[in-house]
N, C-alpha and C. Protein backbone atom coordinates (compact mmCIF):
# COMPACT_ATOMS: atom_id res chain seq x y z
N MET A 1 -27.81 21.11 -63.67
CA MET A 1 -26.37 20.77 -63.60
C MET A 1 -25.67 21.48 -62.49
N LYS A 2 -25.09 20.75 -61.77
CA LYS A 2 -24.20 20.99 -60.21
C LYS A 2 -23.34 22.21 -61.05
N THR A 3 -23.39 22.97 -59.95
CA THR A 3 -22.18 24.43 -59.99
C THR A 3 -21.08 23.50 -58.89
N VAL A 4 -20.09 24.29 -58.89
CA VAL A 4 -18.68 23.87 -58.02
C VAL A 4 -19.17 23.96 -57.07
N SER A 5 -20.16 25.19 -55.93
CA SER A 5 -20.31 25.54 -54.85
C SER A 5 -21.35 23.83 -54.30
N ASP A 6 -22.30 23.80 -55.18
CA ASP A 6 -23.27 22.00 -55.03
C ASP A 6 -22.36 21.20 -54.96
N CYS A 7 -21.37 20.70 -55.64
CA CYS A 7 -20.71 19.95 -55.27
C CYS A 7 -19.33 19.77 -54.46
N PHE A 8 -18.88 21.40 -53.86
CA PHE A 8 -17.95 21.46 -52.78
C PHE A 8 -19.19 21.12 -51.26
N LEU A 9 -20.31 21.93 -51.25
CA LEU A 9 -21.48 21.12 -50.50
C LEU A 9 -21.56 19.91 -49.86
N THR A 10 -21.88 19.03 -51.01
CA THR A 10 -22.07 17.58 -51.03
C THR A 10 -20.72 17.16 -50.52
N LEU A 11 -19.72 17.16 -50.78
CA LEU A 11 -18.12 16.89 -50.40
C LEU A 11 -18.45 16.57 -48.35
N ILE A 12 -18.82 18.53 -48.43
CA ILE A 12 -18.72 18.93 -47.32
C ILE A 12 -19.76 17.88 -46.57
N ILE A 13 -20.63 17.38 -46.36
CA ILE A 13 -22.12 16.87 -46.01
C ILE A 13 -21.46 15.40 -46.08
N ALA A 14 -20.46 14.78 -46.58
CA ALA A 14 -20.26 13.55 -47.12
C ALA A 14 -19.23 13.29 -46.22
N SER A 15 -18.21 14.48 -45.80
CA SER A 15 -16.78 14.32 -45.21
C SER A 15 -17.30 13.96 -43.86
N ALA A 16 -18.47 14.41 -43.48
CA ALA A 16 -18.78 15.13 -41.89
C ALA A 16 -19.49 13.83 -41.23
N LEU A 17 -20.23 13.03 -42.92
CA LEU A 17 -20.98 12.12 -42.04
C LEU A 17 -20.20 10.73 -41.68
N GLY A 18 -19.44 11.30 -42.80
CA GLY A 18 -18.31 10.00 -42.57
C GLY A 18 -17.53 9.93 -41.36
N ALA A 19 -17.45 11.19 -40.68
CA ALA A 19 -16.35 11.31 -39.66
C ALA A 19 -17.05 11.44 -38.40
N THR A 20 -18.26 11.21 -38.91
CA THR A 20 -19.89 10.88 -37.57
C THR A 20 -19.63 9.50 -37.62
N THR A 21 -19.37 8.69 -38.33
CA THR A 21 -19.89 7.04 -38.66
C THR A 21 -18.37 6.52 -38.11
N LEU A 22 -17.45 7.55 -38.13
CA LEU A 22 -16.17 6.42 -37.93
C LEU A 22 -16.23 6.96 -36.06
N ALA A 23 -16.50 8.01 -35.73
CA ALA A 23 -16.69 8.61 -34.41
C ALA A 23 -17.46 7.50 -33.79
N ALA A 24 -18.47 7.11 -33.87
CA ALA A 24 -19.12 6.45 -33.38
C ALA A 24 -18.94 5.15 -33.35
N GLN A 25 -17.91 4.40 -34.31
CA GLN A 25 -17.38 3.31 -34.34
C GLN A 25 -16.20 2.97 -33.22
N GLU A 26 -15.62 3.75 -33.39
CA GLU A 26 -14.53 3.60 -32.18
C GLU A 26 -15.01 3.75 -30.43
N PRO A 27 -14.19 2.68 -29.79
CA PRO A 27 -14.40 2.20 -28.49
C PRO A 27 -14.50 3.69 -27.73
N THR A 28 -15.34 4.39 -26.80
CA THR A 28 -15.82 5.94 -26.31
C THR A 28 -14.71 5.52 -25.09
N ALA A 29 -14.32 4.35 -24.67
CA ALA A 29 -13.54 4.21 -23.24
C ALA A 29 -12.07 4.39 -23.60
N ALA A 30 -10.97 4.80 -22.40
CA ALA A 30 -9.95 4.34 -23.44
C ALA A 30 -9.43 3.47 -22.76
N PRO A 31 -8.98 2.63 -23.49
CA PRO A 31 -8.33 1.35 -23.13
C PRO A 31 -7.65 1.36 -22.01
N GLN A 32 -7.42 0.40 -21.16
CA GLN A 32 -6.79 -0.20 -19.78
C GLN A 32 -5.48 -0.56 -19.84
N THR A 33 -5.04 0.19 -18.85
CA THR A 33 -3.77 -0.08 -18.92
C THR A 33 -3.26 -1.13 -17.81
N PRO A 34 -2.52 -2.56 -17.94
CA PRO A 34 -2.49 -2.90 -16.80
C PRO A 34 -1.41 -2.75 -15.30
N SER A 35 -1.93 -3.05 -14.73
CA SER A 35 -1.62 -2.47 -13.15
C SER A 35 -0.06 -2.50 -13.48
N PRO A 36 1.23 -1.49 -12.61
CA PRO A 36 2.29 -1.79 -12.82
C PRO A 36 2.53 -2.75 -11.68
N THR A 37 3.85 -3.50 -12.24
CA THR A 37 4.41 -4.64 -10.69
C THR A 37 5.44 -4.19 -9.86
N TYR A 38 4.72 -4.58 -8.91
CA TYR A 38 5.64 -3.67 -7.51
C TYR A 38 6.99 -3.94 -8.22
N GLN A 39 7.81 -2.64 -7.37
CA GLN A 39 9.41 -2.44 -7.66
C GLN A 39 9.90 -2.46 -6.46
N PRO A 40 10.92 -3.54 -6.39
CA PRO A 40 11.22 -3.92 -4.72
C PRO A 40 11.83 -2.33 -4.15
N LYS A 41 12.05 -1.77 -2.87
CA LYS A 41 12.30 -0.74 -2.74
C LYS A 41 13.65 -0.79 -1.79
N PHE A 42 14.15 -2.67 -2.21
CA PHE A 42 15.63 -2.59 -1.64
C PHE A 42 16.50 -4.24 -2.06
N ARG A 43 17.13 -4.10 -1.62
CA ARG A 43 17.57 -5.84 -2.30
C ARG A 43 17.28 -6.12 -1.31
N GLY A 44 15.98 -7.56 -1.66
CA GLY A 44 15.68 -8.67 -0.34
C GLY A 44 13.95 -7.95 0.12
N ASP A 45 13.65 -7.24 -0.85
CA ASP A 45 12.85 -6.52 -0.13
C ASP A 45 11.67 -7.56 -0.20
N PRO A 46 11.08 -8.12 1.13
CA PRO A 46 10.11 -9.12 1.03
C PRO A 46 8.14 -8.30 0.64
N ALA A 47 8.32 -7.45 0.31
CA ALA A 47 6.98 -7.00 0.40
C ALA A 47 6.62 -7.37 -1.15
N ARG A 48 5.49 -7.41 -1.38
CA ARG A 48 4.87 -7.74 -2.49
C ARG A 48 3.70 -6.54 -3.25
N SER A 49 3.73 -5.08 -3.02
CA SER A 49 3.18 -4.34 -2.95
C SER A 49 3.73 -2.90 -2.17
N ASP A 50 3.48 -2.10 -2.42
CA ASP A 50 3.63 -0.27 -2.43
C ASP A 50 2.98 -0.31 -1.29
N SER A 51 1.88 -0.80 -0.48
CA SER A 51 0.77 -0.81 0.64
C SER A 51 2.06 -1.39 1.31
N GLU A 52 2.92 -3.15 1.05
CA GLU A 52 3.24 -3.65 2.22
C GLU A 52 4.06 -2.60 2.46
N ALA A 53 4.88 -2.46 1.57
CA ALA A 53 5.95 -1.58 1.72
C ALA A 53 5.64 -0.67 2.63
N ALA A 54 5.21 -0.30 2.84
CA ALA A 54 4.78 1.04 3.59
C ALA A 54 4.83 0.52 5.21
N ALA A 55 3.21 -0.48 5.23
CA ALA A 55 3.53 -1.27 6.41
C ALA A 55 4.54 -1.83 6.92
N LEU A 56 5.07 -2.52 6.12
CA LEU A 56 6.85 -3.32 6.65
C LEU A 56 7.43 -2.05 7.29
N ALA A 57 7.58 -1.13 6.83
CA ALA A 57 8.49 0.48 7.23
C ALA A 57 8.13 0.52 7.87
N TYR A 58 7.22 0.63 8.54
CA TYR A 58 6.34 1.61 10.10
C TYR A 58 6.59 0.71 10.63
N MET A 59 6.44 -1.35 10.69
CA MET A 59 6.84 -1.84 11.55
C MET A 59 8.05 -1.92 12.00
N ARG A 60 9.27 -1.54 11.02
CA ARG A 60 10.69 -1.67 10.81
C ARG A 60 11.17 -0.19 11.71
N VAL A 61 9.85 1.06 11.63
CA VAL A 61 10.70 1.91 12.45
C VAL A 61 9.76 2.17 13.75
N VAL A 62 8.71 0.78 14.37
CA VAL A 62 8.12 0.86 15.38
C VAL A 62 9.84 -0.19 16.41
N LEU A 63 9.79 -1.21 15.66
CA LEU A 63 10.42 -2.33 16.26
C LEU A 63 11.81 -1.90 17.03
N ARG A 64 12.14 -0.50 15.61
CA ARG A 64 13.56 -0.35 16.08
C ARG A 64 13.50 1.06 17.33
N ALA A 65 12.60 1.79 17.22
CA ALA A 65 12.25 2.91 18.40
C ALA A 65 11.70 1.83 19.88
N GLN A 66 11.18 0.48 19.95
CA GLN A 66 11.18 -0.57 21.05
C GLN A 66 12.67 -1.00 21.03
N ARG A 67 13.62 -1.23 20.59
CA ARG A 67 14.87 -1.68 20.83
C ARG A 67 15.56 -0.60 21.55
N GLN A 68 15.24 0.67 20.90
CA GLN A 68 16.15 1.76 21.30
C GLN A 68 15.38 2.39 22.93
N PHE A 69 14.32 2.00 22.93
CA PHE A 69 13.64 2.68 24.36
C PHE A 69 14.02 1.42 25.12
N ASN A 70 13.68 0.22 25.07
CA ASN A 70 14.20 -0.41 26.37
C ASN A 70 15.52 -0.25 26.18
N LYS A 71 16.37 -0.34 25.60
CA LYS A 71 18.11 -0.03 26.08
C LYS A 71 17.71 1.59 26.68
N GLN A 72 17.26 2.61 26.29
CA GLN A 72 17.41 3.27 27.04
C GLN A 72 16.91 3.45 29.11
N TYR A 73 15.52 2.41 28.63
CA TYR A 73 14.76 2.79 30.07
C TYR A 73 15.10 1.06 30.62
N ASN A 74 15.73 0.68 30.10
CA ASN A 74 14.92 -1.08 30.47
C ASN A 74 14.39 -1.83 30.72
N HIS A 75 12.98 -1.61 29.94
CA HIS A 75 11.74 -1.97 29.51
C HIS A 75 10.88 -1.76 28.21
N PHE A 76 10.07 -1.95 27.95
CA PHE A 76 9.76 -1.34 26.53
C PHE A 76 8.51 -0.70 27.35
N ALA A 77 8.10 0.32 25.96
CA ALA A 77 6.95 0.72 25.85
C ALA A 77 6.13 0.36 25.64
N THR A 78 4.97 0.71 26.65
CA THR A 78 3.49 -0.16 26.83
C THR A 78 2.41 0.70 25.85
N SER A 79 3.41 2.08 25.01
CA SER A 79 1.58 2.07 24.48
C SER A 79 2.99 3.19 23.21
N LEU A 80 2.06 3.02 21.83
CA LEU A 80 3.33 4.10 20.64
C LEU A 80 2.64 5.04 21.01
N ALA A 81 1.96 5.61 22.01
CA ALA A 81 2.38 7.61 22.62
C ALA A 81 3.83 7.05 23.55
N GLU A 82 4.27 6.28 23.92
CA GLU A 82 5.39 5.95 24.41
C GLU A 82 6.17 6.05 23.81
N LEU A 83 6.22 5.66 22.62
CA LEU A 83 7.37 5.86 22.05
C LEU A 83 7.70 6.90 21.54
N VAL A 84 7.06 8.24 21.55
CA VAL A 84 7.23 9.26 20.27
C VAL A 84 8.40 9.73 20.97
N HIS A 85 9.38 9.88 19.83
CA HIS A 85 10.98 10.75 19.95
C HIS A 85 12.01 9.94 20.19
N SER A 86 11.43 8.59 20.32
CA SER A 86 12.86 7.14 20.10
C SER A 86 12.72 6.92 18.80
N GLY A 87 14.35 7.04 18.56
CA GLY A 87 14.86 6.66 17.51
C GLY A 87 13.52 7.51 16.13
N SER A 88 13.23 7.07 14.89
CA SER A 88 12.58 8.07 13.90
C SER A 88 11.24 8.07 14.44
N PHE A 89 9.96 7.65 15.35
CA PHE A 89 9.16 7.16 15.59
C PHE A 89 8.65 8.90 16.21
N THR A 90 7.38 8.98 15.04
CA THR A 90 7.51 10.69 15.31
C THR A 90 5.79 10.33 15.96
N LYS A 91 5.11 11.94 16.30
CA LYS A 91 4.05 11.91 16.69
C LYS A 91 2.62 11.31 16.10
N ARG A 92 3.17 11.97 14.94
CA ARG A 92 2.36 11.18 13.87
C ARG A 92 1.57 9.75 13.83
N MET A 93 3.02 9.42 13.85
CA MET A 93 3.51 7.31 13.61
C MET A 93 2.02 6.86 14.79
N VAL A 94 1.59 8.11 16.39
CA VAL A 94 0.75 7.05 16.61
C VAL A 94 -0.33 6.88 15.97
N ASN A 95 -0.82 7.45 15.14
CA ASN A 95 -2.13 7.16 15.01
C ASN A 95 -2.27 6.01 13.77
N PRO A 96 -2.85 4.60 14.87
CA PRO A 96 -3.42 3.21 14.21
C PRO A 96 -3.79 3.36 12.52
N ASP A 97 -4.44 4.49 11.59
CA ASP A 97 -4.84 4.08 10.80
C ASP A 97 -3.78 4.51 9.77
N ARG A 98 -2.76 3.33 8.79
CA ARG A 98 -1.75 3.38 8.30
C ARG A 98 -1.97 2.89 6.62
N GLY A 99 -3.22 3.70 6.37
CA GLY A 99 -3.35 3.66 4.69
C GLY A 99 -4.39 2.46 4.26
N ASP A 100 -3.34 1.39 3.58
CA ASP A 100 -4.89 0.43 3.52
C ASP A 100 -4.60 -0.59 4.77
N TYR A 101 -3.56 -0.44 5.67
CA TYR A 101 -3.57 -1.11 6.90
C TYR A 101 -3.74 -0.40 8.09
N THR A 102 -4.30 -1.21 9.40
CA THR A 102 -4.12 -0.65 10.49
C THR A 102 -3.67 -1.26 11.93
N ALA A 103 -2.35 -0.19 12.25
CA ALA A 103 -1.82 -0.65 12.91
C ALA A 103 -2.47 -1.42 14.59
N SER A 104 -2.45 -2.22 15.15
CA SER A 104 -2.37 -2.83 16.69
C SER A 104 -1.29 -2.63 17.39
N PHE A 105 -1.27 -1.87 18.89
CA PHE A 105 0.28 -2.43 19.74
C PHE A 105 -0.24 -2.67 21.31
N GLN A 106 0.31 -4.12 21.28
CA GLN A 106 -0.60 -4.36 22.64
C GLN A 106 1.35 -4.28 23.12
N GLY A 107 1.16 -3.42 24.57
CA GLY A 107 2.55 -3.70 25.07
C GLY A 107 2.48 -3.88 27.28
N LYS A 108 3.81 -4.33 27.32
CA LYS A 108 3.98 -4.48 28.35
C LYS A 108 5.48 -4.17 29.12
N LYS A 109 5.92 -3.89 29.98
CA LYS A 109 7.03 -3.40 30.28
C LYS A 109 7.94 -4.71 29.70
N ASP A 110 7.94 -5.60 29.90
CA ASP A 110 8.20 -7.22 29.02
C ASP A 110 8.59 -7.83 27.91
N SER A 111 7.08 -7.49 27.31
CA SER A 111 7.11 -8.00 26.00
C SER A 111 6.23 -6.98 25.20
N PHE A 112 5.68 -7.19 24.37
CA PHE A 112 4.78 -6.66 23.25
C PHE A 112 4.52 -6.85 21.60
N VAL A 113 3.42 -7.00 21.08
CA VAL A 113 2.87 -6.85 19.94
C VAL A 113 2.47 -6.34 19.26
N LEU A 114 2.87 -6.22 17.67
CA LEU A 114 2.68 -5.52 17.06
C LEU A 114 2.05 -5.81 15.53
N THR A 115 0.54 -5.77 15.49
CA THR A 115 0.12 -5.97 14.24
C THR A 115 -0.19 -5.01 13.05
N MET A 116 0.12 -5.52 11.74
CA MET A 116 -0.54 -5.06 11.09
C MET A 116 -1.66 -5.16 10.09
N THR A 117 -2.69 -4.96 10.15
CA THR A 117 -4.02 -5.81 9.66
C THR A 117 -4.33 -4.89 8.59
N PRO A 118 -4.23 -5.48 7.31
CA PRO A 118 -4.77 -4.82 5.68
C PRO A 118 -6.28 -4.66 6.03
N LYS A 119 -6.90 -3.67 5.14
CA LYS A 119 -8.27 -2.76 5.07
C LYS A 119 -8.97 -4.83 3.68
N HIS A 120 -8.15 -4.66 3.20
CA HIS A 120 -8.72 -6.54 2.26
C HIS A 120 -7.18 -7.58 2.61
N LEU A 121 -7.42 -8.19 2.73
CA LEU A 121 -6.70 -9.06 2.70
C LEU A 121 -6.83 -10.29 1.38
N ASP A 122 -5.72 -10.01 0.67
CA ASP A 122 -5.37 -10.55 -0.28
C ASP A 122 -3.91 -11.13 -0.17
N ALA A 123 -3.38 -11.33 -2.29
CA ALA A 123 -1.97 -11.99 -1.49
C ALA A 123 -1.27 -10.28 -1.71
N GLN A 124 -1.66 -9.20 -2.18
CA GLN A 124 -0.66 -8.25 -2.20
C GLN A 124 -0.72 -7.44 -0.81
N HIS A 125 -1.90 -8.07 -0.70
CA HIS A 125 -2.30 -7.28 1.32
C HIS A 125 -2.00 -8.35 2.34
N ARG A 126 -0.91 -8.89 2.64
CA ARG A 126 -0.71 -10.30 3.75
C ARG A 126 -0.36 -9.47 4.94
N SER A 127 -1.42 -9.99 6.06
CA SER A 127 -1.64 -9.50 7.33
C SER A 127 0.44 -9.44 8.11
N PHE A 128 0.87 -8.81 8.96
CA PHE A 128 1.69 -8.93 9.54
C PHE A 128 1.91 -8.83 11.22
N TYR A 129 2.92 -9.43 11.69
CA TYR A 129 2.59 -9.43 13.34
C TYR A 129 4.30 -9.93 13.79
N ALA A 130 4.39 -8.95 14.57
CA ALA A 130 5.83 -9.21 15.41
C ALA A 130 5.33 -8.54 16.68
N GLU A 131 6.78 -8.84 17.72
CA GLU A 131 6.69 -9.16 18.86
C GLU A 131 8.28 -9.15 19.32
N ASP A 132 8.26 -8.38 20.57
CA ASP A 132 9.73 -8.37 21.23
C ASP A 132 10.83 -9.06 20.50
N ASP A 133 11.07 -10.03 20.07
CA ASP A 133 11.82 -10.83 19.33
C ASP A 133 12.57 -10.41 17.65
N SER A 134 11.45 -9.35 17.50
CA SER A 134 11.69 -8.49 16.19
C SER A 134 11.44 -8.98 14.94
N LYS A 135 11.41 -10.25 14.86
CA LYS A 135 10.79 -11.11 13.75
C LYS A 135 9.54 -10.72 13.31
N ILE A 136 9.10 -10.73 12.01
CA ILE A 136 7.98 -10.19 11.53
C ILE A 136 7.61 -11.32 10.39
N HIS A 137 6.30 -11.53 11.01
CA HIS A 137 5.21 -12.48 10.68
C HIS A 137 4.77 -12.44 9.48
N ALA A 138 4.14 -12.86 8.41
CA ALA A 138 3.37 -12.68 7.99
C ALA A 138 2.52 -13.42 7.03
N ASP A 139 0.96 -13.68 6.82
CA ASP A 139 -0.30 -14.43 5.99
C ASP A 139 -0.82 -14.15 5.36
N GLU A 140 -1.03 -13.97 4.18
CA GLU A 140 -2.21 -13.69 3.01
C GLU A 140 -3.41 -14.39 3.24
N GLU A 141 -4.15 -15.31 3.62
CA GLU A 141 -4.76 -15.80 4.37
C GLU A 141 -5.47 -15.83 5.51
N LYS A 142 -4.96 -15.56 6.81
CA LYS A 142 -5.63 -14.98 8.39
C LYS A 142 -4.63 -13.64 8.91
N PRO A 143 -5.22 -13.52 9.99
CA PRO A 143 -4.17 -12.26 10.94
C PRO A 143 -3.28 -13.32 11.25
N ALA A 144 -2.33 -12.71 10.72
CA ALA A 144 -0.84 -13.08 10.82
C ALA A 144 -0.60 -13.19 12.49
N ASP A 145 0.32 -14.11 12.62
CA ASP A 145 0.41 -14.57 14.57
C ASP A 145 1.90 -15.14 14.29
N ALA A 146 2.10 -15.98 15.99
CA ALA A 146 3.41 -15.86 16.08
C ALA A 146 3.97 -16.80 15.58
N ASN A 147 2.76 -18.37 15.04
CA ASN A 147 3.39 -19.61 14.10
C ASN A 147 2.92 -18.95 12.66
N SER A 148 2.75 -18.00 11.94
CA SER A 148 2.85 -17.37 10.38
C SER A 148 4.34 -17.45 10.90
N PRO A 149 4.55 -17.75 9.02
CA PRO A 149 5.74 -17.68 8.18
C PRO A 149 6.70 -16.31 8.55
N VAL A 150 7.85 -16.40 8.99
CA VAL A 150 8.84 -15.45 8.58
C VAL A 150 9.25 -14.54 7.60
N ILE A 151 9.15 -13.87 7.73
CA ILE A 151 9.33 -12.98 6.23
C ILE A 151 10.66 -12.92 6.31
N LYS A 152 11.48 -12.81 5.41
CA LYS A 152 12.15 -12.56 5.29
C LYS A 152 13.28 -11.20 4.97
């Protein structure tokens, strides 16, 4: 004859076994959430990702600094270091490592070329190119150049 304590013990063991079986059947990895889509930073934003937005913002700062530098000295800066304190260009911005991108700058007194090359080229990490006309060109298949499409 079973006592109340025997029944209680059987119930506890059965419950524990049931919980263990259920836990073993549940997936252990958390479900993957879809990556968020890019939210434009301003009306007409041509960027396709946060990385592109940062690269384009850097380019705009350099282009504005070059315009200001040219207006003040009647020639363009020949290096990024020369642009420090022109517009909002800071000493920290001289570093070519820009997160997912690498900046490249070649300057002469009458012209310059600025490129932003992604560490991994794809549709969300296009390469960018600009020169003294301040038009930014983009390409998702190869390094951007003067013949690449101009972004809006």
